[in-house]
């Protein structure tokens, strides 16, 4: 009489399918989470994490002083590639500057200067190259400094 598997018996084939299915689910979740991680926050690189941690409370106090100024500014890229800053509550005599850098990849960074336009906005003197940029805007007026960091596409 040949050895015939009994109906409902767990065989090696069942174990193979269970292993492939289990590892398949784990791999699918890992690839999904990795894609979310790489498409999100670009990260911040500091030379020394300990020194950065020691400056953290000072950065919080500076943020509170900045918030008390009541200034705001919107950032956008004009059709011609120039960076446009639309200030709100900023004094007329204020000056703007910005540092730009790529969020990922090779280090590409530069400084932008701005000219005040008749409508009260600031327009960069040079256009931005295509792609993603992180813009660190700084507005100065009579010793008061206001900063904003935003990603521009």
Protein backbone atom coordinates (compact mmCIF):
# COMPACT_ATOMS: atom_id res chain seq x y z
CA UNK A 1 0.00 0.00 0.00
CA UNK A 2 1.53 3.34 -1.04
CA UNK A 3 2.09 6.07 1.53
CA UNK A 4 -0.60 8.58 0.71
CA UNK A 5 -0.87 11.82 2.73
CA UNK A 6 -3.90 11.96 4.90
CA UNK A 7 -6.29 14.80 4.05
CA UNK A 8 -5.49 17.85 6.25
CA UNK A 9 -1.97 16.71 7.06
CA UNK A 10 0.68 19.49 7.23
CA UNK A 11 3.34 18.65 4.65
CA UNK A 12 6.67 20.12 3.57
CA UNK A 13 4.89 21.90 0.72
CA UNK A 14 2.63 23.67 3.22
CA UNK A 15 5.69 24.74 5.22
CA UNK A 16 7.35 26.09 2.06
CA UNK A 17 4.29 28.22 1.22
CA UNK A 18 4.07 29.47 4.83
CA UNK A 19 7.75 30.51 4.80
CA UNK A 20 7.51 32.21 1.39
CA UNK A 21 4.33 34.03 2.42
CA UNK A 22 5.71 35.15 5.78
CA UNK A 23 9.01 36.39 4.41
CA UNK A 24 7.19 37.98 1.46
CA UNK A 25 5.03 40.04 3.82
CA UNK A 26 8.06 41.11 5.89
CA UNK A 27 9.99 42.13 2.77
CA UNK A 28 7.02 44.03 1.32
CA UNK A 29 6.57 46.00 4.55
CA UNK A 30 10.32 46.74 4.74
CA UNK A 31 10.45 48.03 1.16
CA UNK A 32 7.34 50.16 1.76
CA UNK A 33 8.77 51.68 4.94
CA UNK A 34 12.14 52.32 3.25
CA UNK A 35 10.41 54.16 0.40
CA UNK A 36 8.53 56.33 2.92
CA UNK A 37 11.76 57.09 4.78
CA UNK A 38 13.67 58.18 1.69
CA UNK A 39 10.86 60.34 0.31
CA UNK A 40 10.24 62.22 3.55
CA UNK A 41 12.52 64.19 5.84
CA UNK A 42 15.87 64.92 4.20
CA UNK A 43 17.68 65.09 7.51
CA UNK A 44 20.00 67.60 9.07
CA UNK A 45 23.73 67.04 9.22
CA UNK A 46 25.72 68.56 12.07
CA UNK A 47 29.46 68.34 12.69
CA UNK A 48 29.12 67.39 16.33
CA UNK A 49 25.82 66.12 17.75
CA UNK A 50 26.89 66.82 21.34
CA UNK A 51 27.60 70.49 20.60
CA UNK A 52 24.31 70.78 18.72
CA UNK A 53 22.43 69.33 21.71
CA UNK A 54 24.05 71.91 24.00
CA UNK A 55 22.82 74.76 21.77
CA UNK A 56 19.25 73.45 21.59
CA UNK A 57 17.80 75.59 24.42
CA UNK A 58 19.34 78.71 22.86
CA UNK A 59 17.67 77.84 19.58
CA UNK A 60 14.32 77.51 21.38
CA UNK A 61 14.75 80.94 23.02
CA UNK A 62 15.65 82.45 19.64
CA UNK A 63 12.50 80.91 18.13
CA UNK A 64 10.38 82.52 20.88
CA UNK A 65 11.96 85.96 20.21
CA UNK A 66 11.31 85.50 16.51
CA UNK A 67 7.68 84.52 17.14
CA UNK A 68 7.19 87.66 19.26
CA UNK A 69 8.12 89.84 16.25
CA UNK A 70 4.92 88.73 14.50
CA UNK A 71 6.55 88.57 11.08
CA UNK A 72 5.68 86.05 8.39
CA UNK A 73 6.92 85.41 4.88
CA UNK A 74 5.79 83.11 2.11
CA UNK A 75 8.31 81.56 -0.28
CA UNK A 76 7.59 80.60 -3.87
CA UNK A 77 9.41 80.11 -7.13
CA UNK A 78 8.40 82.51 -9.88
CA UNK A 79 7.79 81.37 -13.44
CA UNK A 80 11.23 82.69 -14.38
CA UNK A 81 12.90 80.62 -11.62
CA UNK A 82 13.55 83.50 -9.22
CA UNK A 83 12.69 83.03 -5.57
CA UNK A 84 9.86 85.31 -4.43
CA UNK A 85 9.45 86.25 -0.75
CA UNK A 86 6.04 87.66 0.22
CA UNK A 87 6.50 89.30 3.64
CA UNK A 88 3.68 90.03 6.08
CA UNK A 89 4.19 92.43 8.99
CA UNK A 90 7.84 93.01 8.06
CA UNK A 91 9.09 96.64 8.21
CA UNK A 92 9.59 98.43 4.87
CA UNK A 93 13.32 98.95 5.42
CA UNK A 94 14.03 95.24 6.08
CA UNK A 95 16.67 93.35 4.11
CA UNK A 96 16.41 89.72 3.03
CA UNK A 97 19.01 87.07 2.25
CA UNK A 98 18.89 83.31 1.88
CA UNK A 99 21.12 80.28 1.89
CA UNK A 100 20.02 77.45 -0.37
CA UNK A 101 21.14 73.84 -0.43
CA UNK A 102 20.04 70.56 -1.97
CA UNK A 103 18.23 68.26 0.47
CA UNK A 104 20.00 65.09 -0.72
CA UNK A 105 22.94 64.01 -2.77
CA UNK A 106 26.08 65.96 -3.56
CA UNK A 107 26.62 69.12 -1.56
CA UNK A 108 25.36 72.00 -3.64
CA UNK A 109 24.79 75.25 -1.79
CA UNK A 110 24.89 78.98 -2.43
CA UNK A 111 23.69 82.32 -1.12
CA UNK A 112 20.91 84.42 -2.63
CA UNK A 113 20.47 88.15 -2.37
CA UNK A 114 17.16 89.91 -2.92
CA UNK A 115 15.82 93.17 -4.31
CA UNK A 116 12.72 94.79 -2.85
CA UNK A 117 9.95 95.12 -5.45
CA UNK A 118 7.35 97.90 -5.75
CA UNK A 119 4.61 95.59 -4.42
CA UNK A 120 6.60 94.96 -1.21
CA UNK A 121 7.86 91.47 -2.12
CA UNK A 122 11.48 90.44 -2.38
CA UNK A 123 12.80 88.86 -5.61
CA UNK A 124 16.10 86.99 -5.80
CA UNK A 125 18.70 88.57 -8.04
CA UNK A 126 19.55 85.18 -9.56
CA UNK A 127 17.20 82.33 -10.49
CA UNK A 128 17.21 78.96 -8.77
CA UNK A 129 18.27 75.89 -10.74
CA UNK A 130 15.57 73.29 -11.30
CA UNK A 131 14.90 70.67 -8.64
CA UNK A 132 14.38 70.55 -4.90
CA UNK A 133 16.05 73.12 -2.64
CA UNK A 134 16.00 73.86 1.05
CA UNK A 135 15.84 77.62 1.52
CA UNK A 136 16.96 79.22 4.80
CA UNK A 137 15.56 82.73 4.59
CA UNK A 138 16.77 85.51 6.89
CA UNK A 139 15.11 88.92 7.21
CA UNK A 140 16.91 91.70 9.13
CA UNK A 141 15.40 94.97 10.29
CA UNK A 142 16.95 97.31 12.89
CA UNK A 143 18.77 94.49 14.68
CA UNK A 144 15.80 92.14 14.69
CA UNK A 145 16.40 88.87 12.85
CA UNK A 146 13.71 86.52 11.56
CA UNK A 147 14.47 83.13 9.97
CA UNK A 148 12.48 80.52 8.13
CA UNK A 149 13.51 77.27 6.50
CA UNK A 150 11.35 75.77 3.77
CA UNK A 151 11.68 73.28 0.95
CA UNK A 152 11.08 74.64 -2.58
CA UNK A 153 10.50 72.51 -5.67
